[in-house]
Amino acid sequence: MDGSLEREILEVLAAHGQLSVPGIADALDRHPVTVDRQCYDLQTDGHIVIATSGGAYKLTEEGRSRLERSDDEGV
């Protein structure tokens, strides 16, 4: 898993509340397929969930904790 992309996605979702894969990809200037794969991994790990029927993602408490841990670790 790309740790820097993982962190970037978590940061974007923390800032925006919820976004679709294309919205995350636009915010990060990344390809939507790359973002979609990373979001799948983040969802599998319990860091994000699909927030709406439209497919927008949002952070879970685990995701917020992960972001805070990486801040504490200086990652």
PDB file of N, CA and C in Angstrom:
ATOM      1  N   MET A   1       0.841  -1.175   0.000  1.00  0.00           N
ATOM      2  CA  MET A   1       0.000   0.000   0.000  1.00  0.00           C
ATOM      3  C   MET A   1       0.884   1.236   0.000  1.00  0.00           C
ATOM      4  N   ASP A   2       0.498   2.241  -0.761  1.00  0.00           N
ATOM      5  CA  ASP A   2       1.230   3.491  -0.847  1.00  0.00           C
ATOM      6  C   ASP A   2       0.897   4.341   0.375  1.00  0.00           C
ATOM      7  N   GLY A   3       1.805   4.381   1.340  1.00  0.00           N
ATOM      8  CA  GLY A   3       1.556   5.093   2.581  1.00  0.00           C
ATOM      9  C   GLY A   3       1.318   6.580   2.400  1.00  0.00           C
ATOM     10  N   SER A   4       2.030   7.202   1.458  1.00  0.00           N
ATOM     11  CA  SER A   4       1.843   8.634   1.261  1.00  0.00           C
ATOM     12  C   SER A   4       0.473   8.918   0.644  1.00  0.00           C
ATOM     13  N   LEU A   5       0.047   8.094  -0.299  1.00  0.00           N
ATOM     14  CA  LEU A   5      -1.277   8.286  -0.891  1.00  0.00           C
ATOM     15  C   LEU A   5      -2.360   8.004   0.151  1.00  0.00           C
ATOM     16  N   GLU A   6      -2.151   6.978   0.978  1.00  0.00           N
ATOM     17  CA  GLU A   6      -3.099   6.683   2.056  1.00  0.00           C
ATOM     18  C   GLU A   6      -3.284   7.918   2.927  1.00  0.00           C
ATOM     19  N   ARG A   7      -2.197   8.500   3.352  1.00  0.00           N
ATOM     20  CA  ARG A   7      -2.256   9.688   4.211  1.00  0.00           C
ATOM     21  C   ARG A   7      -2.935  10.845   3.491  1.00  0.00           C
ATOM     22  N   GLU A   8      -2.599  11.064   2.227  1.00  0.00           N
ATOM     23  CA  GLU A   8      -3.206  12.152   1.459  1.00  0.00           C
ATOM     24  C   GLU A   8      -4.719  11.989   1.373  1.00  0.00           C
ATOM     25  N   ILE A   9      -5.184  10.767   1.134  1.00  0.00           N
ATOM     26  CA  ILE A   9      -6.628  10.515   1.053  1.00  0.00           C
ATOM     27  C   ILE A   9      -7.276  10.787   2.403  1.00  0.00           C
ATOM     28  N   LEU A  10      -6.677  10.306   3.477  1.00  0.00           N
ATOM     29  CA  LEU A  10      -7.228  10.548   4.806  1.00  0.00           C
ATOM     30  C   LEU A  10      -7.270  12.050   5.114  1.00  0.00           C
ATOM     31  N   GLU A  11      -6.238  12.773   4.733  1.00  0.00           N
ATOM     32  CA  GLU A  11      -6.199  14.220   4.970  1.00  0.00           C
ATOM     33  C   GLU A  11      -7.288  14.940   4.187  1.00  0.00           C
ATOM     34  N   VAL A  12      -7.469  14.559   2.925  1.00  0.00           N
ATOM     35  CA  VAL A  12      -8.496  15.194   2.086  1.00  0.00           C
ATOM     36  C   VAL A  12      -9.877  14.932   2.666  1.00  0.00           C
ATOM     37  N   LEU A  13     -10.129  13.701   3.086  1.00  0.00           N
ATOM     38  CA  LEU A  13     -11.433  13.386   3.667  1.00  0.00           C
ATOM     39  C   LEU A  13     -11.631  14.099   5.006  1.00  0.00           C
ATOM     40  N   ALA A  14     -10.572  14.243   5.783  1.00  0.00           N
ATOM     41  CA  ALA A  14     -10.672  14.974   7.044  1.00  0.00           C
ATOM     42  C   ALA A  14     -11.028  16.441   6.780  1.00  0.00           C
ATOM     43  N   ALA A  15     -10.475  16.992   5.724  1.00  0.00           N
ATOM     44  CA  ALA A  15     -10.716  18.398   5.397  1.00  0.00           C
ATOM     45  C   ALA A  15     -12.088  18.635   4.773  1.00  0.00           C
ATOM     46  N   HIS A  16     -12.547  17.697   3.952  1.00  0.00           N
ATOM     47  CA  HIS A  16     -13.767  17.909   3.168  1.00  0.00           C
ATOM     48  C   HIS A  16     -14.992  17.176   3.711  1.00  0.00           C
ATOM     49  N   GLY A  17     -14.805  16.290   4.651  1.00  0.00           N
ATOM     50  CA  GLY A  17     -15.940  15.539   5.188  1.00  0.00           C
ATOM     51  C   GLY A  17     -16.207  14.283   4.400  1.00  0.00           C
ATOM     52  N   GLN A  18     -16.666  14.432   3.175  1.00  0.00           N
ATOM     53  CA  GLN A  18     -16.862  13.270   2.307  1.00  0.00           C
ATOM     54  C   GLN A  18     -16.688  13.679   0.859  1.00  0.00           C
ATOM     55  N   LEU A  19     -16.123  12.765   0.085  1.00  0.00           N
ATOM     56  CA  LEU A  19     -15.873  13.002  -1.337  1.00  0.00           C
ATOM     57  C   LEU A  19     -15.979  11.685  -2.086  1.00  0.00           C
ATOM     58  N   SER A  20     -16.319  11.789  -3.354  1.00  0.00           N
ATOM     59  CA  SER A  20     -16.303  10.631  -4.247  1.00  0.00           C
ATOM     60  C   SER A  20     -14.875  10.363  -4.700  1.00  0.00           C
ATOM     61  N   VAL A  21     -14.656   9.218  -5.303  1.00  0.00           N
ATOM     62  CA  VAL A  21     -13.324   8.901  -5.840  1.00  0.00           C
ATOM     63  C   VAL A  21     -12.874   9.973  -6.841  1.00  0.00           C
ATOM     64  N   PRO A  22     -13.726  10.380  -7.812  1.00  0.00           N
ATOM     65  CA  PRO A  22     -13.275  11.447  -8.718  1.00  0.00           C
ATOM     66  C   PRO A  22     -12.944  12.753  -7.981  1.00  0.00           C
ATOM     67  N   GLY A  23     -13.692  13.060  -6.924  1.00  0.00           N
ATOM     68  CA  GLY A  23     -13.411  14.263  -6.144  1.00  0.00           C
ATOM     69  C   GLY A  23     -12.077  14.174  -5.422  1.00  0.00           C
ATOM     70  N   ILE A  24     -11.802  13.007  -4.854  1.00  0.00           N
ATOM     71  CA  ILE A  24     -10.511  12.791  -4.181  1.00  0.00           C
ATOM     72  C   ILE A  24      -9.383  12.866  -5.208  1.00  0.00           C
ATOM     73  N   ALA A  25      -9.578  12.214  -6.349  1.00  0.00           N
ATOM     74  CA  ALA A  25      -8.555  12.212  -7.402  1.00  0.00           C
ATOM     75  C   ALA A  25      -8.258  13.635  -7.875  1.00  0.00           C
ATOM     76  N   ASP A  26      -9.306  14.440  -8.068  1.00  0.00           N
ATOM     77  CA  ASP A  26      -9.102  15.835  -8.475  1.00  0.00           C
ATOM     78  C   ASP A  26      -8.342  16.612  -7.412  1.00  0.00           C
ATOM     79  N   ALA A  27      -8.726  16.425  -6.151  1.00  0.00           N
ATOM     80  CA  ALA A  27      -8.083  17.157  -5.057  1.00  0.00           C
ATOM     81  C   ALA A  27      -6.601  16.816  -4.940  1.00  0.00           C
ATOM     82  N   LEU A  28      -6.253  15.569  -5.269  1.00  0.00           N
ATOM     83  CA  LEU A  28      -4.870  15.115  -5.113  1.00  0.00           C
ATOM     84  C   LEU A  28      -4.091  15.097  -6.424  1.00  0.00           C
ATOM     85  N   ASP A  29      -4.763  15.448  -7.517  1.00  0.00           N
ATOM     86  CA  ASP A  29      -4.148  15.389  -8.855  1.00  0.00           C
ATOM     87  C   ASP A  29      -3.578  13.995  -9.118  1.00  0.00           C
ATOM     88  N   ARG A  30      -4.410  12.988  -8.825  1.00  0.00           N
ATOM     89  CA  ARG A  30      -4.058  11.585  -9.047  1.00  0.00           C
ATOM     90  C   ARG A  30      -5.074  10.965  -9.992  1.00  0.00           C
ATOM     91  N   HIS A  31      -4.725   9.846 -10.583  1.00  0.00           N
ATOM     92  CA  HIS A  31      -5.636   9.141 -11.473  1.00  0.00           C
ATOM     93  C   HIS A  31      -6.730   8.476 -10.640  1.00  0.00           C
ATOM     94  N   PRO A  32      -7.993   8.564 -11.087  1.00  0.00           N
ATOM     95  CA  PRO A  32      -9.091   7.960 -10.323  1.00  0.00           C
ATOM     96  C   PRO A  32      -8.937   6.462 -10.050  1.00  0.00           C
ATOM     97  N   VAL A  33      -8.339   5.716 -10.972  1.00  0.00           N
ATOM     98  CA  VAL A  33      -8.154   4.281 -10.746  1.00  0.00           C
ATOM     99  C   VAL A  33      -7.197   4.049  -9.582  1.00  0.00           C
ATOM    100  N   THR A  34      -6.140   4.834  -9.515  1.00  0.00           N
ATOM    101  CA  THR A  34      -5.184   4.729  -8.411  1.00  0.00           C
ATOM    102  C   THR A  34      -5.867   5.044  -7.088  1.00  0.00           C
ATOM    103  N   VAL A  35      -6.657   6.108  -7.073  1.00  0.00           N
ATOM    104  CA  VAL A  35      -7.374   6.506  -5.861  1.00  0.00           C
ATOM    105  C   VAL A  35      -8.403   5.441  -5.483  1.00  0.00           C
ATOM    106  N   ASP A  36      -9.099   4.902  -6.468  1.00  0.00           N
ATOM    107  CA  ASP A  36     -10.109   3.883  -6.199  1.00  0.00           C
ATOM    108  C   ASP A  36      -9.487   2.652  -5.542  1.00  0.00           C
ATOM    109  N   ARG A  37      -8.349   2.220  -6.046  1.00  0.00           N
ATOM    110  CA  ARG A  37      -7.659   1.063  -5.445  1.00  0.00           C
ATOM    111  C   ARG A  37      -7.256   1.347  -4.006  1.00  0.00           C
ATOM    112  N   GLN A  38      -6.737   2.536  -3.768  1.00  0.00           N
ATOM    113  CA  GLN A  38      -6.316   2.894  -2.408  1.00  0.00           C
ATOM    114  C   GLN A  38      -7.525   3.004  -1.488  1.00  0.00           C
ATOM    115  N   CYS A  39      -8.620   3.562  -1.993  1.00  0.00           N
ATOM    116  CA  CYS A  39      -9.835   3.668  -1.182  1.00  0.00           C
ATOM    117  C   CYS A  39     -10.364   2.280  -0.837  1.00  0.00           C
ATOM    118  N   TYR A  40     -10.267   1.348  -1.760  1.00  0.00           N
ATOM    119  CA  TYR A  40     -10.690  -0.024  -1.478  1.00  0.00           C
ATOM    120  C   TYR A  40      -9.881  -0.581  -0.301  1.00  0.00           C
ATOM    121  N   ASP A  41      -8.570  -0.379  -0.337  1.00  0.00           N
ATOM    122  CA  ASP A  41      -7.713  -0.857   0.754  1.00  0.00           C
ATOM    123  C   ASP A  41      -8.050  -0.155   2.068  1.00  0.00           C
ATOM    124  N   LEU A  42      -8.259   1.158   2.012  1.00  0.00           N
ATOM    125  CA  LEU A  42      -8.595   1.898   3.219  1.00  0.00           C
ATOM    126  C   LEU A  42      -9.938   1.452   3.789  1.00  0.00           C
ATOM    127  N   GLN A  43     -10.877   1.137   2.903  1.00  0.00           N
ATOM    128  CA  GLN A  43     -12.180   0.661   3.354  1.00  0.00           C
ATOM    129  C   GLN A  43     -12.050  -0.735   3.962  1.00  0.00           C
ATOM    130  N   THR A  44     -11.277  -1.594   3.331  1.00  0.00           N
ATOM    131  CA  THR A  44     -11.048  -2.944   3.849  1.00  0.00           C
ATOM    132  C   THR A  44     -10.423  -2.888   5.240  1.00  0.00           C
ATOM    133  N   ASP A  45      -9.523  -1.926   5.452  1.00  0.00           N
ATOM    134  CA  ASP A  45      -8.845  -1.768   6.744  1.00  0.00           C
ATOM    135  C   ASP A  45      -9.704  -1.038   7.774  1.00  0.00           C
ATOM    136  N   GLY A  46     -10.873  -0.540   7.352  1.00  0.00           N
ATOM    137  CA  GLY A  46     -11.778   0.128   8.279  1.00  0.00           C
ATOM    138  C   GLY A  46     -11.502   1.601   8.510  1.00  0.00           C
ATOM    139  N   HIS A  47     -10.667   2.212   7.662  1.00  0.00           N
ATOM    140  CA  HIS A  47     -10.321   3.618   7.833  1.00  0.00           C
ATOM    141  C   HIS A  47     -11.328   4.560   7.191  1.00  0.00           C
ATOM    142  N   ILE A  48     -12.031   4.097   6.158  1.00  0.00           N
ATOM    143  CA  ILE A  48     -13.063   4.894   5.505  1.00  0.00           C
ATOM    144  C   ILE A  48     -14.264   4.008   5.220  1.00  0.00           C
ATOM    145  N   VAL A  49     -15.409   4.637   5.010  1.00  0.00           N
ATOM    146  CA  VAL A  49     -16.633   3.931   4.631  1.00  0.00           C
ATOM    147  C   VAL A  49     -17.323   4.726   3.539  1.00  0.00           C
ATOM    148  N   ILE A  50     -18.183   4.048   2.791  1.00  0.00           N
ATOM    149  CA  ILE A  50     -19.003   4.751   1.813  1.00  0.00           C
ATOM    150  C   ILE A  50     -20.100   5.467   2.582  1.00  0.00           C
ATOM    151  N   ALA A  51     -20.173   6.772   2.398  1.00  0.00           N
ATOM    152  CA  ALA A  51     -21.066   7.613   3.187  1.00  0.00           C
ATOM    153  C   ALA A  51     -22.456   7.745   2.571  1.00  0.00           C
ATOM    154  N   THR A  52     -22.551   7.622   1.258  1.00  0.00           N
ATOM    155  CA  THR A  52     -23.817   7.850   0.568  1.00  0.00           C
ATOM    156  C   THR A  52     -24.017   6.821  -0.520  1.00  0.00           C
ATOM    157  N   SER A  53     -25.227   6.752  -1.007  1.00  0.00           N
ATOM    158  CA  SER A  53     -25.505   5.841  -2.120  1.00  0.00           C
ATOM    159  C   SER A  53     -24.782   6.284  -3.389  1.00  0.00           C
ATOM    160  N   GLY A  54     -24.334   7.533  -3.436  1.00  0.00           N
ATOM    161  CA  GLY A  54     -23.592   8.037  -4.584  1.00  0.00           C
ATOM    162  C   GLY A  54     -22.133   7.635  -4.593  1.00  0.00           C
ATOM    163  N   GLY A  55     -21.689   6.939  -3.549  1.00  0.00           N
ATOM    164  CA  GLY A  55     -20.333   6.428  -3.528  1.00  0.00           C
ATOM    165  C   GLY A  55     -19.303   7.345  -2.898  1.00  0.00           C
ATOM    166  N   ALA A  56     -19.732   8.382  -2.205  1.00  0.00           N
ATOM    167  CA  ALA A  56     -18.772   9.254  -1.526  1.00  0.00           C
ATOM    168  C   ALA A  56     -18.242   8.556  -0.279  1.00  0.00           C
ATOM    169  N   TYR A  57     -16.968   8.754  -0.018  1.00  0.00           N
ATOM    170  CA  TYR A  57     -16.324   8.164   1.148  1.00  0.00           C
ATOM    171  C   TYR A  57     -16.224   9.191   2.271  1.00  0.00           C
ATOM    172  N   LYS A  58     -16.165   8.686   3.501  1.00  0.00           N
ATOM    173  CA  LYS A  58     -15.873   9.531   4.658  1.00  0.00           C
ATOM    174  C   LYS A  58     -14.996   8.739   5.612  1.00  0.00           C
ATOM    175  N   LEU A  59     -14.304   9.474   6.482  1.00  0.00           N
ATOM    176  CA  LEU A  59     -13.437   8.848   7.480  1.00  0.00           C
ATOM    177  C   LEU A  59     -14.259   8.137   8.541  1.00  0.00           C
ATOM    178  N   THR A  60     -13.722   7.069   9.070  1.00  0.00           N
ATOM    179  CA  THR A  60     -14.264   6.429  10.265  1.00  0.00           C
ATOM    180  C   THR A  60     -13.440   6.923  11.455  1.00  0.00           C
ATOM    181  N   GLU A  61     -13.862   6.558  12.646  1.00  0.00           N
ATOM    182  CA  GLU A  61     -13.063   6.896  13.820  1.00  0.00           C
ATOM    183  C   GLU A  61     -11.675   6.257  13.713  1.00  0.00           C
ATOM    184  N   GLU A  62     -11.625   5.035  13.179  1.00  0.00           N
ATOM    185  CA  GLU A  62     -10.330   4.363  12.977  1.00  0.00           C
ATOM    186  C   GLU A  62      -9.452   5.161  12.020  1.00  0.00           C
ATOM    187  N   GLY A  63     -10.071   5.703  10.971  1.00  0.00           N
ATOM    188  CA  GLY A  63      -9.327   6.517  10.015  1.00  0.00           C
ATOM    189  C   GLY A  63      -8.777   7.781  10.648  1.00  0.00           C
ATOM    190  N   ARG A  64      -9.592   8.427  11.483  1.00  0.00           N
ATOM    191  CA  ARG A  64      -9.126   9.628  12.195  1.00  0.00           C
ATOM    192  C   ARG A  64      -7.971   9.273  13.131  1.00  0.00           C
ATOM    193  N   SER A  65      -8.095   8.145  13.815  1.00  0.00           N
ATOM    194  CA  SER A  65      -7.019   7.694  14.711  1.00  0.00           C
ATOM    195  C   SER A  65      -5.747   7.419  13.921  1.00  0.00           C
ATOM    196  N   ARG A  66      -5.890   6.788  12.760  1.00  0.00           N
ATOM    197  CA  ARG A  66      -4.729   6.486  11.908  1.00  0.00           C
ATOM    198  C   ARG A  66      -4.034   7.771  11.476  1.00  0.00           C
ATOM    199  N   LEU A  67      -4.819   8.767  11.112  1.00  0.00           N
ATOM    200  CA  LEU A  67      -4.264  10.047  10.697  1.00  0.00           C
ATOM    201  C   LEU A  67      -3.546  10.718  11.868  1.00  0.00           C
ATOM    202  N   GLU A  68      -4.140  10.673  13.049  1.00  0.00           N
ATOM    203  CA  GLU A  68      -3.510  11.252  14.233  1.00  0.00           C
ATOM    204  C   GLU A  68      -2.229  10.502  14.602  1.00  0.00           C
ATOM    205  N   ARG A  69      -2.249   9.170  14.479  1.00  0.00           N
ATOM    206  CA  ARG A  69      -1.039   8.382  14.775  1.00  0.00           C
ATOM    207  C   ARG A  69       0.083   8.752  13.827  1.00  0.00           C
ATOM    208  N   SER A  70      -0.235   8.918  12.537  1.00  0.00           N
ATOM    209  CA  SER A  70       0.824   9.272  11.588  1.00  0.00           C
ATOM    210  C   SER A  70       1.342  10.672  11.849  1.00  0.00           C
ATOM    211  N   ASP A  71       0.468  11.577  12.357  1.00  0.00           N
ATOM    212  CA  ASP A  71       0.932  12.901  12.756  1.00  0.00           C
ATOM    213  C   ASP A  71       1.907  12.798  13.925  1.00  0.00           C
ATOM    214  N   ASP A  72       1.544  11.966  14.904  1.00  0.00           N
ATOM    215  CA  ASP A  72       2.393  11.781  16.084  1.00  0.00           C
ATOM    216  C   ASP A  72       3.729  11.136  15.736  1.00  0.00           C
ATOM    217  N   GLU A  73       3.715  10.279  14.727  1.00  0.00           N
ATOM    218  CA  GLU A  73       4.936   9.589  14.311  1.00  0.00           C
ATOM    219  C   GLU A  73       5.790  10.422  13.383  1.00  0.00           C
ATOM    220  N   GLY A  74       5.246  11.572  12.953  1.00  0.00           N
ATOM    221  CA  GLY A  74       5.985  12.419  12.033  1.00  0.00           C
ATOM    222  C   GLY A  74       6.011  11.890  10.633  1.00  0.00           C
ATOM    223  N   VAL A  75       5.006  11.095  10.261  1.00  0.00           N
ATOM    224  CA  VAL A  75       4.935  10.512   8.912  1.00  0.00           C
ATOM    225  C   VAL A  75       4.242  11.474   8.004  1.00  0.00           C
TER     226      VAL A  75
END
